[in-house]
Amino acid sequence: MLELTAFMRKNKPLWSELDRRIDEMSKRGARPKAEDVDRFASLHKQASSHLAYLYTHHPNHEATAHLNRLVSRSHHALYRDQWNSTESIRAFFRTGFVSMLRARGVFVAVAALLVAIGFLSGFAAVWSDPLKLAAIVPAEYAGVDPSRVTDERENLQQSVMSASIMTNNIRVAILAFASGITLGIGTLYLLVYNGVLIGALAALFHREGAGYEFWAYILPHGVIELTAIFIAGGAGLYMGYVFLAPGPFTRRFRFLTAAKESALLLIGTVPLFVAAGLIEGYITPTTMPLALKYGVAGLTLALLAVYYAYGLKKVAIEAGERAERLQRVS
């Protein structure tokens, strides 16, 4: 481990310069000079050889994952004329997003745990005393009537509602991510509070014997929506963590690197919120059989699992191909 620390300390300036030059070359309208391109290519080649070393001796270390992303970015910047924006977006959602999710899985799991803790707290509070609901939830929810959960709602302006819900959910995710700058404290509060809110409402409906109906109206969009919030919250928690525990790097370098990565994680949740908003606007309010709504929830969960499993498979294939190329280069 001391050998790895020395290796990272020795080569950190080179990686930092490469990261800075990637940003410069990736700017719209950038026209680098010939000597800048030569320097960039040299840095990319050296970082590639460093990555080959780390893949061989420390394949599961965080530094390997970090350098792998850096080399991938430098490769795309160096050969950006061979890529168009559509292909870059496809590559990100095909493998990049899943790879980042796997690397930050612990933080996403912690975010889910915080929501669960909040849920149990809110549920227990209202289950013991329904009058506590007014002190927990916003005023617009305090007067909710469980007996009217299955009322006709065909007069809703569904397209407007869908857009409003989608915007609100994305706002929550952005706040959970941005609160990482508070060392994760703001993110922790938002995650727990959202859990408390759901738990309190769930307890109210369960007390009235309408728990089955409640979850039928929550889960179809909630599976995707909560997944996206867990990811955004995990991104915010990771930002706070790296500031407190930067390792062999400076806090500034680690925080800026984590902020870039976390921003990509946040971007990756946008399609999830779009899907959740559409479901919440067009499926949740309908009076279709409740069993079908549970079926929609199960389908969304299965699709998320298939996407993640497929992405992991593609990541493994591309990592193997990249390792072979790096071995040939070195």
C-alpha atoms as a PDB file:
ATOM      1  CA  MET A   1       0.000   0.000   0.000  1.00  0.00           C
ATOM      2  CA  LEU A   2       2.904   2.355   0.658  1.00  0.00           C
ATOM      3  CA  GLU A   3       4.135   1.600  -2.850  1.00  0.00           C
ATOM      4  CA  LEU A   4       0.733   2.558  -4.277  1.00  0.00           C
ATOM      5  CA  THR A   5       0.653   5.789  -2.252  1.00  0.00           C
ATOM      6  CA  ALA A   6       4.097   6.741  -3.537  1.00  0.00           C
ATOM      7  CA  PHE A   7       3.044   5.892  -7.104  1.00  0.00           C
ATOM      8  CA  MET A   8      -0.059   8.079  -6.826  1.00  0.00           C
ATOM      9  CA  ARG A   9       1.817  10.960  -5.216  1.00  0.00           C
ATOM     10  CA  LYS A  10       4.468  10.845  -7.936  1.00  0.00           C
ATOM     11  CA  ASN A  11       2.022  10.844 -10.839  1.00  0.00           C
ATOM     12  CA  LYS A  12      -0.748  13.036  -9.428  1.00  0.00           C
ATOM     13  CA  PRO A  13       0.624  16.222 -11.071  1.00  0.00           C
ATOM     14  CA  LEU A  14       0.535  14.505 -14.467  1.00  0.00           C
ATOM     15  CA  TRP A  15      -3.055  13.331 -13.932  1.00  0.00           C
ATOM     16  CA  SER A  16      -4.098  16.788 -12.749  1.00  0.00           C
ATOM     17  CA  GLU A  17      -2.577  18.393 -15.840  1.00  0.00           C
ATOM     18  CA  LEU A  18      -4.330  15.866 -18.061  1.00  0.00           C
ATOM     19  CA  ASP A  19      -7.648  16.585 -16.347  1.00  0.00           C
ATOM     20  CA  ARG A  20      -7.154  20.326 -16.860  1.00  0.00           C
ATOM     21  CA  ARG A  21      -6.225  19.909 -20.518  1.00  0.00           C
ATOM     22  CA  ILE A  22      -9.254  17.687 -21.109  1.00  0.00           C
ATOM     23  CA  ASP A  23     -11.479  20.534 -19.962  1.00  0.00           C
ATOM     24  CA  GLU A  24      -9.633  22.948 -22.249  1.00  0.00           C
ATOM     25  CA  MET A  25      -9.848  20.708 -25.308  1.00  0.00           C
ATOM     26  CA  SER A  26     -13.487  19.857 -24.668  1.00  0.00           C
ATOM     27  CA  LYS A  27     -14.640  23.470 -24.735  1.00  0.00           C
ATOM     28  CA  ARG A  28     -16.889  24.387 -27.625  1.00  0.00           C
ATOM     29  CA  GLY A  29     -14.879  26.002 -30.394  1.00  0.00           C
ATOM     30  CA  ALA A  30     -11.527  25.063 -28.855  1.00  0.00           C
ATOM     31  CA  ARG A  31      -8.630  25.305 -31.340  1.00  0.00           C
ATOM     32  CA  PRO A  32      -5.532  23.934 -29.585  1.00  0.00           C
ATOM     33  CA  LYS A  33      -2.084  24.563 -31.014  1.00  0.00           C
ATOM     34  CA  ALA A  34      -0.005  21.712 -32.413  1.00  0.00           C
ATOM     35  CA  GLU A  35       2.304  21.674 -29.386  1.00  0.00           C
ATOM     36  CA  ASP A  36      -0.725  21.509 -27.069  1.00  0.00           C
ATOM     37  CA  VAL A  37      -2.072  18.503 -28.923  1.00  0.00           C
ATOM     38  CA  ASP A  38       1.342  16.819 -28.755  1.00  0.00           C
ATOM     39  CA  ARG A  39       1.543  17.448 -25.007  1.00  0.00           C
ATOM     40  CA  PHE A  40      -2.016  16.175 -24.559  1.00  0.00           C
ATOM     41  CA  ALA A  41      -1.257  13.010 -26.515  1.00  0.00           C
ATOM     42  CA  SER A  42       1.879  12.446 -24.426  1.00  0.00           C
ATOM     43  CA  LEU A  43      -0.070  12.850 -21.181  1.00  0.00           C
ATOM     44  CA  HIS A  44      -2.750  10.488 -22.444  1.00  0.00           C
ATOM     45  CA  LYS A  45      -0.156   7.846 -23.330  1.00  0.00           C
ATOM     46  CA  GLN A  46       1.576   8.122 -19.930  1.00  0.00           C
ATOM     47  CA  ALA A  47      -1.738   7.953 -18.068  1.00  0.00           C
ATOM     48  CA  SER A  48      -2.668   4.881 -20.132  1.00  0.00           C
ATOM     49  CA  SER A  49       0.526   3.132 -19.058  1.00  0.00           C
ATOM     50  CA  HIS A  50      -0.192   4.080 -15.437  1.00  0.00           C
ATOM     51  CA  LEU A  51      -3.673   2.608 -15.831  1.00  0.00           C
ATOM     52  CA  ALA A  52      -2.212  -0.627 -17.173  1.00  0.00           C
ATOM     53  CA  TYR A  53      -0.014  -0.835 -14.069  1.00  0.00           C
ATOM     54  CA  LEU A  54      -2.958  -0.229 -11.739  1.00  0.00           C
ATOM     55  CA  TYR A  55      -5.132  -2.753 -13.580  1.00  0.00           C
ATOM     56  CA  THR A  56      -2.389  -5.341 -13.082  1.00  0.00           C
ATOM     57  CA  HIS A  57      -1.497  -4.685  -9.443  1.00  0.00           C
ATOM     58  CA  HIS A  58      -4.506  -2.870  -7.918  1.00  0.00           C
ATOM     59  CA  PRO A  59      -7.564  -3.622 -10.100  1.00  0.00           C
ATOM     60  CA  ASN A  60     -10.151  -2.896  -7.397  1.00  0.00           C
ATOM     61  CA  HIS A  61      -8.626   0.262  -5.934  1.00  0.00           C
ATOM     62  CA  GLU A  62     -10.477   3.570  -6.213  1.00  0.00           C
ATOM     63  CA  ALA A  63      -7.455   5.115  -7.935  1.00  0.00           C
ATOM     64  CA  THR A  64      -7.841   2.583 -10.748  1.00  0.00           C
ATOM     65  CA  ALA A  65     -11.480   3.539 -11.271  1.00  0.00           C
ATOM     66  CA  HIS A  66     -10.575   7.236 -11.190  1.00  0.00           C
ATOM     67  CA  LEU A  67      -7.740   6.877 -13.696  1.00  0.00           C
ATOM     68  CA  ASN A  68      -9.895   4.675 -15.913  1.00  0.00           C
ATOM     69  CA  ARG A  69     -12.461   7.482 -16.193  1.00  0.00           C
ATOM     70  CA  LEU A  70      -9.701  10.030 -16.789  1.00  0.00           C
ATOM     71  CA  VAL A  71      -8.140   7.983 -19.601  1.00  0.00           C
ATOM     72  CA  SER A  72     -11.567   7.396 -21.153  1.00  0.00           C
ATOM     73  CA  ARG A  73     -12.260  11.140 -21.108  1.00  0.00           C
ATOM     74  CA  SER A  74      -8.863  11.970 -22.576  1.00  0.00           C
ATOM     75  CA  HIS A  75      -9.379   9.375 -25.314  1.00  0.00           C
ATOM     76  CA  HIS A  76     -12.733  10.915 -26.216  1.00  0.00           C
ATOM     77  CA  ALA A  77     -11.253  14.422 -26.178  1.00  0.00           C
ATOM     78  CA  LEU A  78      -8.271  13.353 -28.292  1.00  0.00           C
ATOM     79  CA  TYR A  79     -10.454  11.688 -30.885  1.00  0.00           C
ATOM     80  CA  ARG A  80     -13.570  13.801 -30.471  1.00  0.00           C
ATOM     81  CA  ASP A  81     -13.907  14.330 -34.220  1.00  0.00           C
ATOM     82  CA  GLN A  82     -14.740  10.638 -34.448  1.00  0.00           C
ATOM     83  CA  TRP A  83     -17.620  11.081 -32.000  1.00  0.00           C
ATOM     84  CA  ASN A  84     -20.823  13.004 -32.347  1.00  0.00           C
ATOM     85  CA  SER A  85     -23.003  14.140 -29.486  1.00  0.00           C
ATOM     86  CA  THR A  86     -25.563  11.403 -30.077  1.00  0.00           C
ATOM     87  CA  GLU A  87     -22.959   8.649 -29.853  1.00  0.00           C
ATOM     88  CA  SER A  88     -21.442  10.182 -26.726  1.00  0.00           C
ATOM     89  CA  ILE A  89     -24.833  10.255 -25.018  1.00  0.00           C
ATOM     90  CA  ARG A  90     -25.525   6.678 -26.042  1.00  0.00           C
ATOM     91  CA  ALA A  91     -22.139   5.552 -24.709  1.00  0.00           C
ATOM     92  CA  PHE A  92     -22.776   7.306 -21.400  1.00  0.00           C
ATOM     93  CA  PHE A  93     -26.134   5.658 -20.817  1.00  0.00           C
ATOM     94  CA  ARG A  94     -24.960   2.307 -22.196  1.00  0.00           C
ATOM     95  CA  THR A  95     -21.960   1.864 -19.903  1.00  0.00           C
ATOM     96  CA  GLY A  96     -20.735   5.091 -18.297  1.00  0.00           C
ATOM     97  CA  PHE A  97     -23.699   5.675 -16.023  1.00  0.00           C
ATOM     98  CA  VAL A  98     -23.825   2.054 -14.857  1.00  0.00           C
ATOM     99  CA  SER A  99     -20.075   2.017 -14.225  1.00  0.00           C
ATOM    100  CA  MET A 100     -20.367   5.106 -12.037  1.00  0.00           C
ATOM    101  CA  LEU A 101     -23.336   3.601 -10.197  1.00  0.00           C
ATOM    102  CA  ARG A 102     -21.327   0.501  -9.393  1.00  0.00           C
ATOM    103  CA  ALA A 103     -18.382   2.566  -8.181  1.00  0.00           C
ATOM    104  CA  ARG A 104     -20.616   4.679  -5.918  1.00  0.00           C
ATOM    105  CA  GLY A 105     -22.989   1.886  -4.921  1.00  0.00           C
ATOM    106  CA  VAL A 106     -22.144   2.219  -1.226  1.00  0.00           C
ATOM    107  CA  PHE A 107     -23.220   5.875  -1.160  1.00  0.00           C
ATOM    108  CA  VAL A 108     -26.413   5.143  -3.094  1.00  0.00           C
ATOM    109  CA  ALA A 109     -27.160   2.361  -0.582  1.00  0.00           C
ATOM    110  CA  VAL A 110     -26.556   4.758   2.322  1.00  0.00           C
ATOM    111  CA  ALA A 111     -28.952   7.248   0.720  1.00  0.00           C
ATOM    112  CA  ALA A 112     -31.587   4.504   0.466  1.00  0.00           C
ATOM    113  CA  LEU A 113     -30.960   3.579   4.111  1.00  0.00           C
ATOM    114  CA  LEU A 114     -31.453   7.189   5.221  1.00  0.00           C
ATOM    115  CA  VAL A 115     -34.785   7.357   3.390  1.00  0.00           C
ATOM    116  CA  ALA A 116     -35.776   4.046   5.019  1.00  0.00           C
ATOM    117  CA  ILE A 117     -34.876   5.368   8.482  1.00  0.00           C
ATOM    118  CA  GLY A 118     -36.964   8.465   7.829  1.00  0.00           C
ATOM    119  CA  PHE A 119     -39.839   6.319   6.560  1.00  0.00           C
ATOM    120  CA  LEU A 120     -39.874   4.124   9.669  1.00  0.00           C
ATOM    121  CA  SER A 121     -39.700   7.175  11.929  1.00  0.00           C
ATOM    122  CA  GLY A 122     -42.571   8.929  10.190  1.00  0.00           C
ATOM    123  CA  PHE A 123     -44.658   5.753  10.057  1.00  0.00           C
ATOM    124  CA  ALA A 124     -44.148   5.034  13.769  1.00  0.00           C
ATOM    125  CA  ALA A 125     -44.981   8.617  14.772  1.00  0.00           C
ATOM    126  CA  VAL A 126     -48.298   8.806  12.906  1.00  0.00           C
ATOM    127  CA  TRP A 127     -49.246   5.195  13.672  1.00  0.00           C
ATOM    128  CA  SER A 128     -49.066   5.976  17.396  1.00  0.00           C
ATOM    129  CA  ASP A 129     -50.831   9.343  17.059  1.00  0.00           C
ATOM    130  CA  PRO A 130     -52.505  10.444  13.779  1.00  0.00           C
ATOM    131  CA  LEU A 131     -52.635  14.034  15.026  1.00  0.00           C
ATOM    132  CA  LYS A 132     -48.866  14.220  14.528  1.00  0.00           C
ATOM    133  CA  LEU A 133     -49.428  14.179  10.767  1.00  0.00           C
ATOM    134  CA  ALA A 134     -50.157  17.910  10.719  1.00  0.00           C
ATOM    135  CA  ALA A 135     -46.821  18.611  12.410  1.00  0.00           C
ATOM    136  CA  ILE A 136     -44.868  16.427   9.969  1.00  0.00           C
ATOM    137  CA  VAL A 137     -46.223  16.991   6.466  1.00  0.00           C
ATOM    138  CA  PRO A 138     -46.760  20.255   4.545  1.00  0.00           C
ATOM    139  CA  ALA A 139     -50.159  21.920   4.931  1.00  0.00           C
ATOM    140  CA  GLU A 140     -51.433  20.755   1.529  1.00  0.00           C
ATOM    141  CA  TYR A 141     -51.076  17.116   2.657  1.00  0.00           C
ATOM    142  CA  ALA A 142     -52.450  17.499   6.175  1.00  0.00           C
ATOM    143  CA  GLY A 143     -56.084  17.273   5.048  1.00  0.00           C
ATOM    144  CA  VAL A 144     -55.673  14.155   2.907  1.00  0.00           C
ATOM    145  CA  ASP A 145     -58.620  11.754   3.135  1.00  0.00           C
ATOM    146  CA  PRO A 146     -57.720   8.041   2.790  1.00  0.00           C
ATOM    147  CA  SER A 147     -61.329   7.162   1.956  1.00  0.00           C
ATOM    148  CA  ARG A 148     -61.131   9.148  -1.295  1.00  0.00           C
ATOM    149  CA  VAL A 149     -57.963   7.619  -2.658  1.00  0.00           C
ATOM    150  CA  THR A 150     -59.842   5.765  -5.416  1.00  0.00           C
ATOM    151  CA  ASP A 151     -62.140   8.650  -6.416  1.00  0.00           C
ATOM    152  CA  GLU A 152     -62.542   9.508 -10.091  1.00  0.00           C
ATOM    153  CA  ARG A 153     -59.920  11.995 -11.228  1.00  0.00           C
ATOM    154  CA  GLU A 154     -60.554  12.160 -14.951  1.00  0.00           C
ATOM    155  CA  ASN A 155     -60.803  15.953 -14.863  1.00  0.00           C
ATOM    156  CA  LEU A 156     -57.140  16.377 -14.023  1.00  0.00           C
ATOM    157  CA  GLN A 157     -55.083  18.226 -16.591  1.00  0.00           C
ATOM    158  CA  GLN A 158     -52.729  15.300 -16.931  1.00  0.00           C
ATOM    159  CA  SER A 159     -50.110  16.825 -19.211  1.00  0.00           C
ATOM    160  CA  VAL A 160     -49.735  19.898 -16.988  1.00  0.00           C
ATOM    161  CA  MET A 161     -49.655  17.723 -13.869  1.00  0.00           C
ATOM    162  CA  SER A 162     -47.015  15.442 -15.360  1.00  0.00           C
ATOM    163  CA  ALA A 163     -44.736  18.364 -16.217  1.00  0.00           C
ATOM    164  CA  SER A 164     -45.229  19.902 -12.759  1.00  0.00           C
ATOM    165  CA  ILE A 165     -44.446  16.649 -10.945  1.00  0.00           C
ATOM    166  CA  MET A 166     -41.429  15.995 -13.134  1.00  0.00           C
ATOM    167  CA  THR A 167     -40.038  19.473 -12.457  1.00  0.00           C
ATOM    168  CA  ASN A 168     -40.557  19.152  -8.699  1.00  0.00           C
ATOM    169  CA  ASN A 169     -38.871  15.762  -8.495  1.00  0.00           C
ATOM    170  CA  ILE A 170     -35.874  16.942 -10.484  1.00  0.00           C
ATOM    171  CA  ARG A 171     -35.651  19.953  -8.148  1.00  0.00           C
ATOM    172  CA  VAL A 172     -35.506  17.632  -5.125  1.00  0.00           C
ATOM    173  CA  ALA A 173     -32.744  15.595  -6.762  1.00  0.00           C
ATOM    174  CA  ILE A 174     -30.740  18.706  -7.613  1.00  0.00           C
ATOM    175  CA  LEU A 175     -31.052  19.921  -4.013  1.00  0.00           C
ATOM    176  CA  ALA A 176     -29.937  16.532  -2.674  1.00  0.00           C
ATOM    177  CA  PHE A 177     -26.929  16.633  -5.006  1.00  0.00           C
ATOM    178  CA  ALA A 178     -26.039  20.283  -4.438  1.00  0.00           C
ATOM    179  CA  SER A 179     -26.310  19.866  -0.667  1.00  0.00           C
ATOM    180  CA  GLY A 180     -23.164  17.743  -0.888  1.00  0.00           C
ATOM    181  CA  ILE A 181     -21.293  21.036  -0.619  1.00  0.00           C
ATOM    182  CA  THR A 182     -22.501  21.204   3.001  1.00  0.00           C
ATOM    183  CA  LEU A 183     -20.355  18.117   3.700  1.00  0.00           C
ATOM    184  CA  GLY A 184     -23.430  16.023   3.011  1.00  0.00           C
ATOM    185  CA  ILE A 185     -25.401  17.364   5.979  1.00  0.00           C
ATOM    186  CA  GLY A 186     -28.037  19.013   3.796  1.00  0.00           C
ATOM    187  CA  THR A 187     -28.299  15.872   1.682  1.00  0.00           C
ATOM    188  CA  LEU A 188     -28.771  13.747   4.793  1.00  0.00           C
ATOM    189  CA  TYR A 189     -31.593  16.024   5.973  1.00  0.00           C
ATOM    190  CA  LEU A 190     -33.408  15.975   2.625  1.00  0.00           C
ATOM    191  CA  LEU A 191     -33.235  12.185   2.360  1.00  0.00           C
ATOM    192  CA  VAL A 192     -34.480  11.580   5.902  1.00  0.00           C
ATOM    193  CA  TYR A 193     -37.225  14.185   5.585  1.00  0.00           C
ATOM    194  CA  ASN A 194     -38.568  12.720   2.345  1.00  0.00           C
ATOM    195  CA  GLY A 195     -38.623   9.330   4.036  1.00  0.00           C
ATOM    196  CA  VAL A 196     -40.495  10.778   7.037  1.00  0.00           C
ATOM    197  CA  LEU A 197     -43.059  12.353   4.704  1.00  0.00           C
ATOM    198  CA  ILE A 198     -43.786   9.085   2.884  1.00  0.00           C
ATOM    199  CA  GLY A 199     -43.857   7.111   6.138  1.00  0.00           C
ATOM    200  CA  ALA A 200     -46.274   9.504   7.797  1.00  0.00           C
ATOM    201  CA  LEU A 201     -48.728   9.363   4.887  1.00  0.00           C
ATOM    202  CA  ALA A 202     -48.389   5.579   4.667  1.00  0.00           C
ATOM    203  CA  ALA A 203     -49.230   5.208   8.361  1.00  0.00           C
ATOM    204  CA  LEU A 204     -52.348   7.334   7.948  1.00  0.00           C
ATOM    205  CA  PHE A 205     -53.644   5.174   5.106  1.00  0.00           C
ATOM    206  CA  HIS A 206     -52.744   1.921   6.833  1.00  0.00           C
ATOM    207  CA  ARG A 207     -54.613   2.996   9.978  1.00  0.00           C
ATOM    208  CA  GLU A 208     -57.715   3.516   7.834  1.00  0.00           C
ATOM    209  CA  GLY A 209     -57.349   0.136   6.136  1.00  0.00           C
ATOM    210  CA  ALA A 210     -56.364   1.707   2.809  1.00  0.00           C
ATOM    211  CA  GLY A 211     -52.739   0.586   2.715  1.00  0.00           C
ATOM    212  CA  TYR A 212     -53.237  -1.564  -0.400  1.00  0.00           C
ATOM    213  CA  GLU A 213     -54.758   1.359  -2.273  1.00  0.00           C
ATOM    214  CA  PHE A 214     -52.080   3.773  -1.039  1.00  0.00           C
ATOM    215  CA  TRP A 215     -49.184   1.709  -2.374  1.00  0.00           C
ATOM    216  CA  ALA A 216     -51.033   1.068  -5.632  1.00  0.00           C
ATOM    217  CA  TYR A 217     -50.971   4.835  -6.221  1.00  0.00           C
ATOM    218  CA  ILE A 218     -47.387   5.280  -4.999  1.00  0.00           C
ATOM    219  CA  LEU A 219     -45.353   2.387  -6.396  1.00  0.00           C
ATOM    220  CA  PRO A 220     -45.975   2.703 -10.176  1.00  0.00           C
ATOM    221  CA  HIS A 221     -44.002   5.948 -10.314  1.00  0.00           C
ATOM    222  CA  GLY A 222     -42.343   5.565  -6.915  1.00  0.00           C
ATOM    223  CA  VAL A 223     -40.016   2.718  -7.857  1.00  0.00           C
ATOM    224  CA  ILE A 224     -38.298   4.823 -10.524  1.00  0.00           C
ATOM    225  CA  GLU A 225     -38.609   8.080  -8.621  1.00  0.00           C
ATOM    226  CA  LEU A 226     -37.064   6.745  -5.414  1.00  0.00           C
ATOM    227  CA  THR A 227     -34.276   5.053  -7.365  1.00  0.00           C
ATOM    228  CA  ALA A 228     -33.396   8.397  -8.948  1.00  0.00           C
ATOM    229  CA  ILE A 229     -33.505  10.171  -5.571  1.00  0.00           C
ATOM    230  CA  PHE A 230     -31.261   7.499  -4.041  1.00  0.00           C
ATOM    231  CA  ILE A 231     -28.737   8.062  -6.844  1.00  0.00           C
ATOM    232  CA  ALA A 232     -28.844  11.864  -6.543  1.00  0.00           C
ATOM    233  CA  GLY A 233     -28.588  11.614  -2.763  1.00  0.00           C
ATOM    234  CA  GLY A 234     -25.675   9.195  -3.052  1.00  0.00           C
ATOM    235  CA  ALA A 235     -23.908  11.673  -5.328  1.00  0.00           C
ATOM    236  CA  GLY A 236     -24.330  14.413  -2.716  1.00  0.00           C
ATOM    237  CA  LEU A 237     -23.120  12.171   0.110  1.00  0.00           C
ATOM    238  CA  TYR A 238     -20.052  11.196  -1.929  1.00  0.00           C
ATOM    239  CA  MET A 239     -19.117  14.845  -2.400  1.00  0.00           C
ATOM    240  CA  GLY A 240     -19.246  15.398   1.341  1.00  0.00           C
ATOM    241  CA  TYR A 241     -17.266  12.232   2.023  1.00  0.00           C
ATOM    242  CA  VAL A 242     -14.339  13.011  -0.270  1.00  0.00           C
ATOM    243  CA  PHE A 243     -13.999  16.466   1.264  1.00  0.00           C
ATOM    244  CA  LEU A 244     -13.655  14.908   4.711  1.00  0.00           C
ATOM    245  CA  ALA A 245     -11.478  11.983   3.539  1.00  0.00           C
ATOM    246  CA  PRO A 246      -9.484  13.090   0.462  1.00  0.00           C
ATOM    247  CA  GLY A 247      -6.882  10.338   0.805  1.00  0.00           C
ATOM    248  CA  PRO A 248      -3.475  11.048  -0.781  1.00  0.00           C
ATOM    249  CA  PHE A 249      -4.949  13.880  -2.902  1.00  0.00           C
ATOM    250  CA  THR A 250      -5.612  17.470  -1.890  1.00  0.00           C
ATOM    251  CA  ARG A 251      -9.134  18.267  -0.736  1.00  0.00           C
ATOM    252  CA  ARG A 252      -9.631  20.706  -3.600  1.00  0.00           C
ATOM    253  CA  PHE A 253      -8.604  18.184  -6.251  1.00  0.00           C
ATOM    254  CA  ARG A 254     -10.717  15.387  -4.784  1.00  0.00           C
ATOM    255  CA  PHE A 255     -13.755  17.600  -4.263  1.00  0.00           C
ATOM    256  CA  LEU A 256     -13.662  19.003  -7.793  1.00  0.00           C
ATOM    257  CA  THR A 257     -13.222  15.513  -9.225  1.00  0.00           C
ATOM    258  CA  ALA A 258     -16.089  14.190  -7.114  1.00  0.00           C
ATOM    259  CA  ALA A 259     -18.272  17.147  -8.132  1.00  0.00           C
ATOM    260  CA  LYS A 260     -17.753  16.378 -11.820  1.00  0.00           C
ATOM    261  CA  GLU A 261     -18.559  12.719 -11.332  1.00  0.00           C
ATOM    262  CA  SER A 262     -21.560  13.458  -9.136  1.00  0.00           C
ATOM    263  CA  ALA A 263     -22.900  15.904 -11.713  1.00  0.00           C
ATOM    264  CA  LEU A 264     -22.804  13.108 -14.300  1.00  0.00           C
ATOM    265  CA  LEU A 265     -24.677  10.844 -11.890  1.00  0.00           C
ATOM    266  CA  LEU A 266     -27.303  13.558 -11.522  1.00  0.00           C
ATOM    267  CA  ILE A 267     -27.594  13.908 -15.299  1.00  0.00           C
ATOM    268  CA  GLY A 268     -28.091  10.158 -15.510  1.00  0.00           C
ATOM    269  CA  THR A 269     -31.196  10.414 -13.320  1.00  0.00           C
ATOM    270  CA  VAL A 270     -32.987  12.831 -15.665  1.00  0.00           C
ATOM    271  CA  PRO A 271     -34.507  10.083 -17.877  1.00  0.00           C
ATOM    272  CA  LEU A 272     -35.668   8.318 -14.699  1.00  0.00           C
ATOM    273  CA  PHE A 273     -37.477  11.421 -13.497  1.00  0.00           C
ATOM    274  CA  VAL A 274     -38.995  11.927 -16.936  1.00  0.00           C
ATOM    275  CA  ALA A 275     -40.339   8.359 -16.879  1.00  0.00           C
ATOM    276  CA  ALA A 276     -41.588   8.740 -13.297  1.00  0.00           C
ATOM    277  CA  GLY A 277     -43.303  12.025 -14.149  1.00  0.00           C
ATOM    278  CA  LEU A 278     -45.074  10.499 -17.144  1.00  0.00           C
ATOM    279  CA  ILE A 279     -46.287   7.550 -15.078  1.00  0.00           C
ATOM    280  CA  GLU A 280     -47.400   9.810 -12.238  1.00  0.00           C
ATOM    281  CA  GLY A 281     -49.244  12.088 -14.640  1.00  0.00           C
ATOM    282  CA  TYR A 282     -50.888   9.540 -16.918  1.00  0.00           C
ATOM    283  CA  ILE A 283     -51.132   6.221 -15.016  1.00  0.00           C
ATOM    284  CA  THR A 284     -51.216   6.977 -11.287  1.00  0.00           C
ATOM    285  CA  PRO A 285     -54.374   9.183 -11.355  1.00  0.00           C
ATOM    286  CA  THR A 286     -56.419   6.735 -13.451  1.00  0.00           C
ATOM    287  CA  THR A 287     -58.992   4.338 -12.077  1.00  0.00           C
ATOM    288  CA  MET A 288     -57.491   1.265 -13.702  1.00  0.00           C
ATOM    289  CA  PRO A 289     -57.569  -1.893 -11.526  1.00  0.00           C
ATOM    290  CA  LEU A 290     -55.148  -1.626  -8.624  1.00  0.00           C
ATOM    291  CA  ALA A 291     -53.607  -4.973  -9.548  1.00  0.00           C
ATOM    292  CA  LEU A 292     -52.541  -3.480 -12.892  1.00  0.00           C
ATOM    293  CA  LYS A 293     -50.886  -0.590 -11.083  1.00  0.00           C
ATOM    294  CA  TYR A 294     -48.901  -3.058  -9.018  1.00  0.00           C
ATOM    295  CA  GLY A 295     -48.034  -4.750 -12.303  1.00  0.00           C
ATOM    296  CA  VAL A 296     -46.700  -1.442 -13.661  1.00  0.00           C
ATOM    297  CA  ALA A 297     -44.568  -1.065 -10.513  1.00  0.00           C
ATOM    298  CA  GLY A 298     -43.172  -4.586 -10.952  1.00  0.00           C
ATOM    299  CA  LEU A 299     -42.439  -3.903 -14.617  1.00  0.00           C
ATOM    300  CA  THR A 300     -40.512  -0.716 -13.830  1.00  0.00           C
ATOM    301  CA  LEU A 301     -38.454  -2.581 -11.221  1.00  0.00           C
ATOM    302  CA  ALA A 302     -37.679  -5.373 -13.695  1.00  0.00           C
ATOM    303  CA  LEU A 303     -36.659  -2.888 -16.395  1.00  0.00           C
ATOM    304  CA  LEU A 304     -34.303  -1.107 -13.995  1.00  0.00           C
ATOM    305  CA  ALA A 305     -32.718  -4.445 -13.024  1.00  0.00           C
ATOM    306  CA  VAL A 306     -32.318  -5.499 -16.674  1.00  0.00           C
ATOM    307  CA  TYR A 307     -30.755  -2.145 -17.594  1.00  0.00           C
ATOM    308  CA  TYR A 308     -28.262  -2.364 -14.728  1.00  0.00           C
ATOM    309  CA  ALA A 309     -27.350  -5.992 -15.454  1.00  0.00           C
ATOM    310  CA  TYR A 310     -26.919  -5.264 -19.170  1.00  0.00           C
ATOM    311  CA  GLY A 311     -24.768  -2.231 -18.386  1.00  0.00           C
ATOM    312  CA  LEU A 312     -22.521  -4.235 -16.056  1.00  0.00           C
ATOM    313  CA  LYS A 313     -22.041  -6.853 -18.762  1.00  0.00           C
ATOM    314  CA  LYS A 314     -21.077  -4.204 -21.321  1.00  0.00           C
ATOM    315  CA  VAL A 315     -18.740  -2.533 -18.798  1.00  0.00           C
ATOM    316  CA  ALA A 316     -16.945  -5.846 -18.188  1.00  0.00           C
ATOM    317  CA  ILE A 317     -16.564  -6.476 -21.929  1.00  0.00           C
ATOM    318  CA  GLU A 318     -15.215  -2.985 -22.631  1.00  0.00           C
ATOM    319  CA  ALA A 319     -12.870  -3.127 -19.614  1.00  0.00           C
ATOM    320  CA  GLY A 320     -11.410  -6.392 -20.903  1.00  0.00           C
ATOM    321  CA  GLU A 321     -10.914  -4.952 -24.380  1.00  0.00           C
ATOM    322  CA  ARG A 322      -9.307  -1.814 -22.942  1.00  0.00           C
ATOM    323  CA  ALA A 323      -6.957  -3.849 -20.755  1.00  0.00           C
ATOM    324  CA  GLU A 324      -5.818  -5.841 -23.791  1.00  0.00           C
ATOM    325  CA  ARG A 325      -5.123  -2.652 -25.746  1.00  0.00           C
ATOM    326  CA  LEU A 326      -3.204  -1.133 -22.835  1.00  0.00           C
ATOM    327  CA  GLN A 327      -1.103  -4.271 -22.464  1.00  0.00           C
ATOM    328  CA  ARG A 328      -0.198  -4.119 -26.150  1.00  0.00           C
ATOM    329  CA  VAL A 329       0.737  -0.442 -25.781  1.00  0.00           C
ATOM    330  CA  SER A 330       2.862  -1.037 -22.688  1.00  0.00           C
END
